[in-house]
Amino acid sequence: MTNLFYLIYGAVQGLTEFLPISSSGHLVIAQTIIGFNLKGIALEVTLHVATLTAVLIFLRRRILGILKDAFSEGRKRRLAWRVILAVVVATVPSALVGVSLGGFLERTFENIQIVGICLLITSAMVLTIPFLPKKEGTIEEFPWLGVVLVGTFQAMAILPGISRAGATIFMGVLMGLSRREAANFSFIISIPAIIGAALLQLPELTAGERAPAVGLVIGAASALLFGLLALALLYKTVQGGGFALFGLYALVVAILVLAGFFLWLNGQLHTAFPDTFPISV
């Protein structure tokens, strides 16, 4: 693999990780259509670290503010620890699903039809967000029911084609958070999720093809840069308009994926039963 590959792969990972279009869904599509299959885990772990770094840099003021308030006094301290506990609670559903349904979830990454259906769900959520009432709720005062539901939707996003950002921002706004705070909470709870995903891959780090150090550096730098750009674009659109474009994109991709699947299925049936399933219309 050339350095250009690492540059492009890092860019795609950085963009799709944070924009509400599903990075996992696009990976399955690439594997199915062009036979792309990344061997080895080193690059994946490296890109997880790069995207984690992008979140920490982009939200550094919000995160440092919470940590600072956690060691202050009075109401600030109480609210800061409430946010920290909310992050823990919102992370639990993903951990439970990942541990208990790991084998099933791995099989979904082999099914392009599931990706198409999940992208339809993603498009529906993202297209709905601009029409939801604008509220001014903050993470510090977010109801516990909302925390649990956002965490549940994050767990649902383990399925390929469900955008983690789209699902969690949708539920956050639906449950009363402002659009900016819904995005803040979405990406703050992504921190333990990304760390967990990287840790789960560590035992496999020595397996498969080893990526060269230069390639890893190029991929990480690309993922970090494009991740920051994606975060800036998402915050701009979710507050100022244009967010629905991501939903339209997901809808178009979903239609193409499902149409391609049914054309392929019709072709397979025609091959097996030429007199029963004619291809021509």
Foldseek 3Di string as FASTA:
>chain_A
DDLVVLLVVLLLCLQQQQALFFSLLVVLVCCPPVVDDDWFCVLVLLSLVLLLVLLCVVCVVVVVQLVVLCPDDDPSVVLSVLLVVLLVLLQVLLVVCCVPVVVVLVVLSNDLLQLLVLLLVSLVLQLCLVVQDAAADASSPQDSVLSNQLSNQCNVSSRGNGRLQSSQLSSNVNRGHGSLRSNNSSSVSVNVVSVVVSVVCVVRNPDTDDDDPSSSVSNSVSSNVSNNVNSVVCSCCSPPHDSSVSSVVSNVVSVVSNVVVVLVVLVVVCVVPVVPRPNDD
